[in-house]
Amino acid sequence: MMDKRIETFLADIRDRGATQFAIVARLREIVLASGNGISEEIKYGGLLFSAAKPFCGIFPYSAHVTLEFSEGAALTDAHGVLMGQGKGRRHIKMQSVSDIAEKHVVAYIDLAFRAANGSG
């Protein structure tokens, strides 16, 4: 059963618009299917996902959605899509559902999940 706070968060996103909700829903589905033992919570204004430790989060903004990687600077950026210059965090910005495939998001989620579990 889904946590009530997550249900409310998703309902709020749905009310903002179909495109943004479609991006968030698809990203959430991909993250939750990326491995065993993944938990999710509402934190920092988005959905934060953890395995052995936090590894990514989905954050909706007015014109786009970002998929944030807690230790993104350590990920191999094979497709050159990771954005950000900070010490650790990196993100991928999406404005349409097609960006998920075009920016190879599944591969980055897999890398982040494996790194969080010490197998990447």
Foldseek 3Di string as FASTA:
>chain_A
DDDPVVVVLLVVQVVLDDFSSVQQVVVVVLLVPLDPQWDWDQDPQWIWIAHLGTAWTWHDDNQWIKIKGQQVVPDDQPPPQWDDDDPGMTIHIGRGNVVCVVRVVSVVSNRSRCVRVVND
